[in-house]
C-alpha atoms as a PDB file:
ATOM      1  CA  MET A   1      30.834  23.112   5.984  1.00  0.00           C
ATOM      2  CA  LYS A   2      27.261  24.309   6.080  1.00  0.00           C
ATOM      3  CA  THR A   3      24.401  22.236   7.481  1.00  0.00           C
ATOM      4  CA  SER A   4      20.992  21.705   5.922  1.00  0.00           C
ATOM      5  CA  LEU A   5      17.744  20.183   7.100  1.00  0.00           C
ATOM      6  CA  CYS A   6      16.000  17.760   4.716  1.00  0.00           C
ATOM      7  CA  THR A   7      12.278  18.254   4.222  1.00  0.00           C
ATOM      8  CA  ILE A   8      12.087  14.537   3.441  1.00  0.00           C
ATOM      9  CA  SER A   9      12.649  13.905   7.163  1.00  0.00           C
ATOM     10  CA  PHE A  10       9.087  15.216   7.636  1.00  0.00           C
ATOM     11  CA  ARG A  11       7.540  13.292   4.730  1.00  0.00           C
ATOM     12  CA  HIS A  12       5.001  11.549   6.990  1.00  0.00           C
ATOM     13  CA  GLN A  13       4.056  14.576   9.086  1.00  0.00           C
ATOM     14  CA  LEU A  14       1.744  17.538   8.499  1.00  0.00           C
ATOM     15  CA  VAL A  15       4.385  20.245   8.833  1.00  0.00           C
ATOM     16  CA  SER A  16       4.230  23.418   6.754  1.00  0.00           C
ATOM     17  CA  PHE A  17       7.153  24.945   4.892  1.00  0.00           C
ATOM     18  CA  GLY A  18       6.918  27.946   7.195  1.00  0.00           C
ATOM     19  CA  ASP A  19       7.229  25.673  10.231  1.00  0.00           C
ATOM     20  CA  LEU A  20      10.324  24.030   8.706  1.00  0.00           C
ATOM     21  CA  VAL A  21      11.919  27.405   7.979  1.00  0.00           C
ATOM     22  CA  ARG A  22      11.339  28.437  11.594  1.00  0.00           C
ATOM     23  CA  LEU A  23      12.659  25.105  12.891  1.00  0.00           C
ATOM     24  CA  ALA A  24      15.782  25.312  10.719  1.00  0.00           C
ATOM     25  CA  SER A  25      16.410  28.846  11.942  1.00  0.00           C
ATOM     26  CA  ARG A  26      15.892  27.931  15.591  1.00  0.00           C
ATOM     27  CA  LEU A  27      18.254  24.941  15.324  1.00  0.00           C
ATOM     28  CA  GLN A  28      20.840  27.114  13.521  1.00  0.00           C
ATOM     29  CA  PHE A  29      20.900  25.228  10.241  1.00  0.00           C
ATOM     30  CA  ASP A  30      22.422  27.037   7.278  1.00  0.00           C
ATOM     31  CA  GLY A  31      19.824  25.826   4.807  1.00  0.00           C
ATOM     32  CA  ILE A  32      17.079  23.446   3.747  1.00  0.00           C
ATOM     33  CA  GLU A  33      17.232  20.616   1.214  1.00  0.00           C
ATOM     34  CA  LEU A  34      13.908  20.369  -0.594  1.00  0.00           C
ATOM     35  CA  TRP A  35      12.517  17.002  -1.628  1.00  0.00           C
ATOM     36  CA  GLY A  36      11.356  17.378  -5.228  1.00  0.00           C
ATOM     37  CA  THR A  37       7.789  16.397  -4.339  1.00  0.00           C
ATOM     38  CA  HIS A  38       7.666  19.133  -1.708  1.00  0.00           C
ATOM     39  CA  ALA A  39       9.217  21.721  -4.043  1.00  0.00           C
ATOM     40  CA  GLN A  40       6.654  20.962  -6.751  1.00  0.00           C
ATOM     41  CA  GLN A  41       3.714  21.139  -4.343  1.00  0.00           C
ATOM     42  CA  LEU A  42       4.905  24.411  -2.851  1.00  0.00           C
ATOM     43  CA  TYR A  43       5.361  25.986  -6.268  1.00  0.00           C
ATOM     44  CA  GLU A  44       2.066  24.778  -7.706  1.00  0.00           C
ATOM     45  CA  ASN A  45      -0.228  25.171  -4.696  1.00  0.00           C
ATOM     46  CA  GLU A  46       1.386  27.588  -2.224  1.00  0.00           C
ATOM     47  CA  ARG A  47       3.544  29.834  -4.387  1.00  0.00           C
ATOM     48  CA  VAL A  48       2.724  33.141  -2.701  1.00  0.00           C
ATOM     49  CA  THR A  49       3.188  31.931   0.876  1.00  0.00           C
ATOM     50  CA  ALA A  50       6.209  29.830  -0.113  1.00  0.00           C
ATOM     51  CA  TRP A  51       7.834  32.943  -1.577  1.00  0.00           C
ATOM     52  CA  ASP A  52       7.217  34.840   1.662  1.00  0.00           C
ATOM     53  CA  HIS A  53       8.807  32.027   3.664  1.00  0.00           C
ATOM     54  CA  LEU A  54      11.762  31.968   1.256  1.00  0.00           C
ATOM     55  CA  GLN A  55      12.353  35.652   1.936  1.00  0.00           C
ATOM     56  CA  ARG A  56      12.327  34.952   5.680  1.00  0.00           C
ATOM     57  CA  LEU A  57      14.714  32.053   5.139  1.00  0.00           C
ATOM     58  CA  HIS A  58      17.140  34.282   3.235  1.00  0.00           C
ATOM     59  CA  ALA A  59      16.756  37.074   5.766  1.00  0.00           C
ATOM     60  CA  SER A  60      17.857  34.561   8.431  1.00  0.00           C
ATOM     61  CA  GLY A  61      21.039  33.891   6.459  1.00  0.00           C
ATOM     62  CA  MET A  62      19.875  30.502   5.204  1.00  0.00           C
ATOM     63  CA  GLY A  63      19.439  29.129   1.691  1.00  0.00           C
ATOM     64  CA  ILE A  64      17.978  26.196  -0.193  1.00  0.00           C
ATOM     65  CA  SER A  65      20.851  23.754  -0.520  1.00  0.00           C
ATOM     66  CA  MET A  66      19.392  21.472  -3.207  1.00  0.00           C
ATOM     67  CA  VAL A  67      16.240  20.160  -4.871  1.00  0.00           C
ATOM     68  CA  SER A  68      16.341  16.358  -4.657  1.00  0.00           C
ATOM     69  CA  ASP A  69      14.446  14.180  -7.116  1.00  0.00           C
ATOM     70  CA  TYR A  70      14.944  11.355  -9.628  1.00  0.00           C
ATOM     71  CA  LEU A  71      15.603  11.425 -13.376  1.00  0.00           C
ATOM     72  CA  ASP A  72      15.568   8.155 -15.302  1.00  0.00           C
ATOM     73  CA  ILE A  73      18.831   7.808 -17.249  1.00  0.00           C
ATOM     74  CA  SER A  74      18.342   4.175 -18.283  1.00  0.00           C
ATOM     75  CA  PRO A  75      18.438   3.284 -22.006  1.00  0.00           C
ATOM     76  CA  GLN A  76      14.755   2.332 -21.804  1.00  0.00           C
ATOM     77  CA  ALA A  77      13.635   5.753 -20.561  1.00  0.00           C
ATOM     78  CA  ASP A  78      11.420   8.081 -22.585  1.00  0.00           C
ATOM     79  CA  ARG A  79      14.048  10.687 -23.428  1.00  0.00           C
ATOM     80  CA  GLN A  80      11.667  13.568 -24.062  1.00  0.00           C
ATOM     81  CA  ALA A  81       9.704  12.887 -20.881  1.00  0.00           C
ATOM     82  CA  VAL A  82      12.955  12.848 -18.878  1.00  0.00           C
ATOM     83  CA  LEU A  83      14.148  16.083 -20.507  1.00  0.00           C
ATOM     84  CA  ASP A  84      10.799  17.685 -19.721  1.00  0.00           C
ATOM     85  CA  LYS A  85      11.049  16.616 -16.075  1.00  0.00           C
ATOM     86  CA  CYS A  86      14.633  17.834 -15.903  1.00  0.00           C
ATOM     87  CA  GLN A  87      13.506  21.237 -17.179  1.00  0.00           C
ATOM     88  CA  ARG A  88      10.801  21.366 -14.497  1.00  0.00           C
ATOM     89  CA  LEU A  89      13.388  20.602 -11.810  1.00  0.00           C
ATOM     90  CA  ILE A  90      15.741  23.245 -13.191  1.00  0.00           C
ATOM     91  CA  SER A  91      12.930  25.790 -13.100  1.00  0.00           C
ATOM     92  CA  LEU A  92      12.081  24.803  -9.520  1.00  0.00           C
ATOM     93  CA  ALA A  93      15.728  25.009  -8.448  1.00  0.00           C
ATOM     94  CA  ARG A  94      16.094  28.473  -9.946  1.00  0.00           C
ATOM     95  CA  TRP A  95      12.824  29.673  -8.370  1.00  0.00           C
ATOM     96  CA  PHE A  96      13.924  28.427  -4.943  1.00  0.00           C
ATOM     97  CA  GLY A  97      17.382  29.927  -5.430  1.00  0.00           C
ATOM     98  CA  THR A  98      19.635  26.881  -5.579  1.00  0.00           C
ATOM     99  CA  PRO A  99      22.034  25.806  -8.366  1.00  0.00           C
ATOM    100  CA  ARG A 100      21.842  22.117  -7.422  1.00  0.00           C
ATOM    101  CA  VAL A 101      19.493  19.335  -8.548  1.00  0.00           C
ATOM    102  CA  ARG A 102      20.026  15.826  -7.148  1.00  0.00           C
ATOM    103  CA  THR A 103      19.304  12.602  -9.014  1.00  0.00           C
ATOM    104  CA  PHE A 104      20.391   8.957  -8.985  1.00  0.00           C
ATOM    105  CA  ALA A 105      22.533   7.120 -11.516  1.00  0.00           C
ATOM    106  CA  GLY A 106      19.873   4.684 -12.694  1.00  0.00           C
ATOM    107  CA  GLN A 107      18.133   1.893 -10.818  1.00  0.00           C
ATOM    108  CA  LEU A 108      20.674  -0.915 -11.251  1.00  0.00           C
ATOM    109  CA  GLY A 109      23.927  -1.510  -9.432  1.00  0.00           C
ATOM    110  CA  SER A 110      27.221  -1.275 -11.308  1.00  0.00           C
ATOM    111  CA  ARG A 111      27.541  -5.076 -11.430  1.00  0.00           C
ATOM    112  CA  ASP A 112      24.083  -5.393 -12.979  1.00  0.00           C
ATOM    113  CA  VAL A 113      24.590  -2.991 -15.876  1.00  0.00           C
ATOM    114  CA  PRO A 114      26.178  -4.649 -18.936  1.00  0.00           C
ATOM    115  CA  VAL A 115      29.429  -3.003 -20.008  1.00  0.00           C
ATOM    116  CA  GLU A 116      27.992  -2.190 -23.427  1.00  0.00           C
ATOM    117  CA  GLU A 117      25.091  -0.265 -21.821  1.00  0.00           C
ATOM    118  CA  ARG A 118      27.184   2.076 -19.688  1.00  0.00           C
ATOM    119  CA  PRO A 119      27.857   4.461 -22.625  1.00  0.00           C
ATOM    120  CA  LEU A 120      24.085   4.736 -23.094  1.00  0.00           C
ATOM    121  CA  TYR A 121      23.659   5.835 -19.469  1.00  0.00           C
ATOM    122  CA  ALA A 122      26.515   8.295 -19.929  1.00  0.00           C
ATOM    123  CA  GLU A 123      24.957   9.652 -23.117  1.00  0.00           C
ATOM    124  CA  ASN A 124      21.629  10.247 -21.390  1.00  0.00           C
ATOM    125  CA  LEU A 125      23.382  11.929 -18.472  1.00  0.00           C
ATOM    126  CA  HIS A 126      25.372  14.143 -20.832  1.00  0.00           C
ATOM    127  CA  ARG A 127      22.151  15.299 -22.476  1.00  0.00           C
ATOM    128  CA  LEU A 128      20.692  16.251 -19.090  1.00  0.00           C
ATOM    129  CA  CYS A 129      23.920  18.011 -18.113  1.00  0.00           C
ATOM    130  CA  GLU A 130      23.778  20.056 -21.284  1.00  0.00           C
ATOM    131  CA  LEU A 131      20.279  21.217 -20.348  1.00  0.00           C
ATOM    132  CA  CYS A 132      21.333  21.998 -16.779  1.00  0.00           C
ATOM    133  CA  GLY A 133      24.579  23.692 -17.743  1.00  0.00           C
ATOM    134  CA  GLU A 134      22.853  26.025 -20.183  1.00  0.00           C
ATOM    135  CA  GLN A 135      20.782  27.390 -17.291  1.00  0.00           C
ATOM    136  CA  GLY A 136      23.456  27.590 -14.616  1.00  0.00           C
ATOM    137  CA  VAL A 137      22.392  24.512 -12.675  1.00  0.00           C
ATOM    138  CA  TYR A 138      24.497  21.531 -11.587  1.00  0.00           C
ATOM    139  CA  LEU A 139      23.227  17.951 -11.745  1.00  0.00           C
ATOM    140  CA  LEU A 140      24.394  15.946  -8.731  1.00  0.00           C
ATOM    141  CA  LEU A 141      24.569  12.159  -8.716  1.00  0.00           C
ATOM    142  CA  GLU A 142      24.092  10.660  -5.289  1.00  0.00           C
ATOM    143  CA  MET A 143      26.401   7.921  -4.097  1.00  0.00           C
ATOM    144  CA  HIS A 144      23.841   5.173  -3.524  1.00  0.00           C
ATOM    145  CA  PRO A 145      23.519   1.372  -3.689  1.00  0.00           C
ATOM    146  CA  GLY A 146      21.546  -0.062  -6.576  1.00  0.00           C
ATOM    147  CA  THR A 147      22.863   2.601  -8.954  1.00  0.00           C
ATOM    148  CA  LEU A 148      25.937   3.183 -11.118  1.00  0.00           C
ATOM    149  CA  THR A 149      27.419   5.199  -8.257  1.00  0.00           C
ATOM    150  CA  ASP A 150      27.278   2.345  -5.749  1.00  0.00           C
ATOM    151  CA  THR A 151      31.083   2.327  -5.500  1.00  0.00           C
ATOM    152  CA  VAL A 152      33.694   5.059  -5.794  1.00  0.00           C
ATOM    153  CA  GLU A 153      35.350   3.304  -8.724  1.00  0.00           C
ATOM    154  CA  SER A 154      32.106   3.015 -10.691  1.00  0.00           C
ATOM    155  CA  ALA A 155      31.250   6.654  -9.941  1.00  0.00           C
ATOM    156  CA  LEU A 156      34.641   7.820 -11.195  1.00  0.00           C
ATOM    157  CA  ASP A 157      34.217   5.768 -14.355  1.00  0.00           C
ATOM    158  CA  LEU A 158      30.802   7.309 -15.021  1.00  0.00           C
ATOM    159  CA  LEU A 159      31.969  10.856 -14.298  1.00  0.00           C
ATOM    160  CA  ARG A 160      34.826  10.480 -16.758  1.00  0.00           C
ATOM    161  CA  MET A 161      32.587   8.971 -19.416  1.00  0.00           C
ATOM    162  CA  VAL A 162      30.094  11.824 -19.184  1.00  0.00           C
ATOM    163  CA  ASN A 163      32.860  14.438 -18.926  1.00  0.00           C
ATOM    164  CA  HIS A 164      30.637  17.463 -18.396  1.00  0.00           C
ATOM    165  CA  PRO A 165      31.299  20.385 -16.009  1.00  0.00           C
ATOM    166  CA  ALA A 166      27.660  20.440 -14.843  1.00  0.00           C
ATOM    167  CA  LEU A 167      27.890  16.891 -13.475  1.00  0.00           C
ATOM    168  CA  LYS A 168      28.764  16.712  -9.786  1.00  0.00           C
ATOM    169  CA  ILE A 169      28.454  14.341  -6.810  1.00  0.00           C
ATOM    170  CA  ASN A 170      26.290  14.359  -3.703  1.00  0.00           C
ATOM    171  CA  LEU A 171      28.557  12.382  -1.402  1.00  0.00           C
ATOM    172  CA  ASP A 172      26.616  10.186   1.010  1.00  0.00           C
ATOM    173  CA  PHE A 173      29.284   9.048   3.469  1.00  0.00           C
ATOM    174  CA  LEU A 174      27.352   6.032   4.730  1.00  0.00           C
ATOM    175  CA  HIS A 175      26.826   4.731   1.197  1.00  0.00           C
ATOM    176  CA  VAL A 176      30.504   5.250   0.335  1.00  0.00           C
ATOM    177  CA  TRP A 177      31.312   3.072   3.342  1.00  0.00           C
ATOM    178  CA  GLU A 178      28.623   0.619   2.267  1.00  0.00           C
ATOM    179  CA  GLY A 179      30.320   0.385  -1.145  1.00  0.00           C
ATOM    180  CA  GLY A 180      33.574  -0.745   0.458  1.00  0.00           C
ATOM    181  CA  THR A 181      35.595   2.478   0.682  1.00  0.00           C
ATOM    182  CA  ASP A 182      36.650   4.426   3.743  1.00  0.00           C
ATOM    183  CA  PRO A 183      34.535   7.617   3.638  1.00  0.00           C
ATOM    184  CA  VAL A 184      37.472  10.011   3.919  1.00  0.00           C
ATOM    185  CA  GLU A 185      39.390   8.127   1.211  1.00  0.00           C
ATOM    186  CA  GLY A 186      36.288   8.210  -0.967  1.00  0.00           C
ATOM    187  CA  LEU A 187      36.031  11.958  -0.426  1.00  0.00           C
ATOM    188  CA  LYS A 188      39.640  12.434  -1.523  1.00  0.00           C
ATOM    189  CA  LYS A 189      39.093  10.488  -4.746  1.00  0.00           C
ATOM    190  CA  LEU A 190      35.835  12.217  -5.643  1.00  0.00           C
ATOM    191  CA  GLU A 191      36.631  15.671  -4.265  1.00  0.00           C
ATOM    192  CA  PRO A 192      36.938  17.463  -7.652  1.00  0.00           C
ATOM    193  CA  TRP A 193      33.299  16.579  -8.347  1.00  0.00           C
ATOM    194  CA  VAL A 194      31.775  16.802  -4.847  1.00  0.00           C
ATOM    195  CA  MET A 195      29.315  19.662  -4.312  1.00  0.00           C
ATOM    196  CA  HIS A 196      27.069  18.448  -1.482  1.00  0.00           C
ATOM    197  CA  TYR A 197      27.122  15.888   1.351  1.00  0.00           C
ATOM    198  CA  HIS A 198      24.577  13.576   2.958  1.00  0.00           C
ATOM    199  CA  MET A 199      25.178  12.397   6.504  1.00  0.00           C
ATOM    200  CA  LYS A 200      23.350   9.547   8.249  1.00  0.00           C
ATOM    201  CA  ASN A 201      24.330   6.468  10.247  1.00  0.00           C
ATOM    202  CA  ILE A 202      23.372   2.893  11.083  1.00  0.00           C
ATOM    203  CA  THR A 203      24.103   0.497  13.934  1.00  0.00           C
ATOM    204  CA  ASP A 204      25.359  -2.348  11.761  1.00  0.00           C
ATOM    205  CA  ARG A 205      25.851  -3.321   8.114  1.00  0.00           C
ATOM    206  CA  SER A 206      23.069  -5.891   8.444  1.00  0.00           C
ATOM    207  CA  HIS A 207      20.529  -3.059   8.770  1.00  0.00           C
ATOM    208  CA  LEU A 208      21.520  -1.097   5.641  1.00  0.00           C
ATOM    209  CA  GLY A 209      18.424  -2.353   3.843  1.00  0.00           C
ATOM    210  CA  VAL A 210      16.286   0.084   5.833  1.00  0.00           C
ATOM    211  CA  PHE A 211      17.482   2.842   3.487  1.00  0.00           C
ATOM    212  CA  ALA A 212      16.127   1.110   0.378  1.00  0.00           C
ATOM    213  CA  PRO A 213      13.631   3.523  -1.248  1.00  0.00           C
ATOM    214  CA  HIS A 214      10.698   1.103  -1.097  1.00  0.00           C
ATOM    215  CA  ASN A 215      11.190   0.833   2.674  1.00  0.00           C
ATOM    216  CA  VAL A 216      12.285   4.291   3.689  1.00  0.00           C
ATOM    217  CA  TYR A 217       9.428   6.062   1.874  1.00  0.00           C
ATOM    218  CA  ALA A 218       6.782   3.721   3.319  1.00  0.00           C
ATOM    219  CA  PRO A 219       5.055   5.032   6.478  1.00  0.00           C
ATOM    220  CA  SER A 220       5.041   1.498   7.904  1.00  0.00           C
ATOM    221  CA  GLY A 221       8.600   0.676   6.796  1.00  0.00           C
ATOM    222  CA  SER A 222      11.220  -0.573   9.226  1.00  0.00           C
ATOM    223  CA  ARG A 223      13.440   2.004  10.942  1.00  0.00           C
ATOM    224  CA  THR A 224      15.519  -0.605  12.764  1.00  0.00           C
ATOM    225  CA  GLY A 225      19.170   0.385  12.981  1.00  0.00           C
ATOM    226  CA  MET A 226      18.773   4.076  12.161  1.00  0.00           C
ATOM    227  CA  VAL A 227      20.729   6.093  14.713  1.00  0.00           C
ATOM    228  CA  PRO A 228      22.171   9.596  15.134  1.00  0.00           C
ATOM    229  CA  LEU A 229      25.559  10.333  13.580  1.00  0.00           C
ATOM    230  CA  ARG A 230      27.495   9.960  16.838  1.00  0.00           C
ATOM    231  CA  GLU A 231      26.120   6.482  17.595  1.00  0.00           C
ATOM    232  CA  GLY A 232      26.536   4.487  14.400  1.00  0.00           C
ATOM    233  CA  VAL A 233      29.087   2.228  12.774  1.00  0.00           C
ATOM    234  CA  VAL A 234      30.532   5.051  10.630  1.00  0.00           C
ATOM    235  CA  ASP A 235      32.865   7.285  12.641  1.00  0.00           C
ATOM    236  CA  TYR A 236      31.956  10.850  11.668  1.00  0.00           C
ATOM    237  CA  ARG A 237      34.738  12.587  13.590  1.00  0.00           C
ATOM    238  CA  PRO A 238      37.372  12.169  10.838  1.00  0.00           C
ATOM    239  CA  ILE A 239      34.743  13.004   8.239  1.00  0.00           C
ATOM    240  CA  LEU A 240      33.858  16.259   9.990  1.00  0.00           C
ATOM    241  CA  GLU A 241      37.531  17.080  10.292  1.00  0.00           C
ATOM    242  CA  ALA A 242      37.937  16.531   6.531  1.00  0.00           C
ATOM    243  CA  ILE A 243      34.981  18.698   5.460  1.00  0.00           C
ATOM    244  CA  ARG A 244      34.752  21.388   8.139  1.00  0.00           C
ATOM    245  CA  GLU A 245      36.656  23.947   6.033  1.00  0.00           C
ATOM    246  CA  THR A 246      34.638  23.352   2.855  1.00  0.00           C
ATOM    247  CA  ASP A 247      31.812  25.605   1.715  1.00  0.00           C
ATOM    248  CA  HIS A 248      29.468  22.749   0.763  1.00  0.00           C
ATOM    249  CA  TYR A 249      26.176  21.940   2.448  1.00  0.00           C
ATOM    250  CA  ALA A 250      25.964  18.754   4.513  1.00  0.00           C
ATOM    251  CA  SER A 251      22.380  17.559   4.892  1.00  0.00           C
ATOM    252  CA  LEU A 252      21.437  15.647   8.046  1.00  0.00           C
ATOM    253  CA  GLU A 253      19.398  12.921   6.386  1.00  0.00           C
ATOM    254  CA  TRP A 254      17.259  11.557   9.206  1.00  0.00           C
ATOM    255  CA  PHE A 255      14.559   9.070   8.159  1.00  0.00           C
ATOM    256  CA  GLY A 256      13.575   7.823  11.605  1.00  0.00           C
ATOM    257  CA  PRO A 257      10.921   8.930  14.115  1.00  0.00           C
ATOM    258  CA  ASP A 258      10.658  12.274  15.923  1.00  0.00           C
ATOM    259  CA  PRO A 259      12.781  14.241  13.424  1.00  0.00           C
ATOM    260  CA  ALA A 260      12.557  17.627  15.183  1.00  0.00           C
ATOM    261  CA  ARG A 261      13.977  16.209  18.414  1.00  0.00           C
ATOM    262  CA  VAL A 262      16.671  14.123  16.726  1.00  0.00           C
ATOM    263  CA  LEU A 263      17.810  16.980  14.474  1.00  0.00           C
ATOM    264  CA  ALA A 264      18.046  19.289  17.493  1.00  0.00           C
ATOM    265  CA  GLU A 265      20.285  16.738  19.213  1.00  0.00           C
ATOM    266  CA  GLU A 266      22.351  16.255  16.050  1.00  0.00           C
ATOM    267  CA  MET A 267      22.961  19.983  15.719  1.00  0.00           C
ATOM    268  CA  GLN A 268      23.951  20.224  19.357  1.00  0.00           C
ATOM    269  CA  TRP A 269      26.458  17.393  18.864  1.00  0.00           C
ATOM    270  CA  LEU A 270      27.893  19.066  15.760  1.00  0.00           C
ATOM    271  CA  ARG A 271      28.324  22.348  17.626  1.00  0.00           C
ATOM    272  CA  GLU A 272      30.203  20.459  20.340  1.00  0.00           C
ATOM    273  CA  GLU A 273      32.405  18.558  17.869  1.00  0.00           C
ATOM    274  CA  LEU A 274      33.340  21.200  15.333  1.00  0.00           C
ATOM    275  CA  PRO A 275      34.984  23.707  17.730  1.00  0.00           C
ATOM    276  CA  VAL A 276      37.179  20.883  19.074  1.00  0.00           C
ATOM    277  CA  MET A 277      38.374  20.151  15.558  1.00  0.00           C
ATOM    278  CA  ALA A 278      38.971  23.824  14.919  1.00  0.00           C
ATOM    279  CA  GLY A 279      41.257  23.932  17.940  1.00  0.00           C
ATOM    280  CA  VAL A 280      39.034  26.422  19.730  1.00  0.00           C
END
């Protein structure tokens, strides 16, 4: 398992890419997950300095784990506009040196999508996967409520319908638990498709709404219930034991206040936990 820092954790702070590279290096992360908005801004407005910082990142043994954005796969979407955006994300991913682009499986939960419309979602996804696959990039669907990957069963159904080698899963362990499946069991079922992990935690199921996009992206949104991995309702010890030997990145997805301090504490906890599991 490799760890990555999410630039989205600093979405409400004036922190430069260079500062984040230095922070990730100091905290001994293995990489950085770039929010699509940040990747686009860096490429368009700070390309020269961003390239210099990328070289420093690679020289430190780190990489860019993923570019994370959203592509509309609903039947109502403008197909050409979505393909154009997908191509931009592919180009960004390749420039930043990562083979992974993250998206969501629509904006409706599996119970809200009529059965007859699911093949249309799958068709749109297949088209995007074709574009990605031709250029050596994987398209990762995030396990997330309010999408067609809100449960393990629905995700498996969609993966099999699309049936494309470029389609993979970004496994968010909290959201797997939220969908009603034990995280380790969910990992076992989805493992052939998993290529990246998200790790975050919450004090109680009643607070899961804080991760809704409209809340979590808002500067004044509630952060009630967000806690470090070791403190929440999801037990991460068996999860870490299950993924510690993998070569995938696990992003510490912290949306709460004081991200630099919290991420430093999270990394310290992981360093304490992982040797125990390795029998060291």
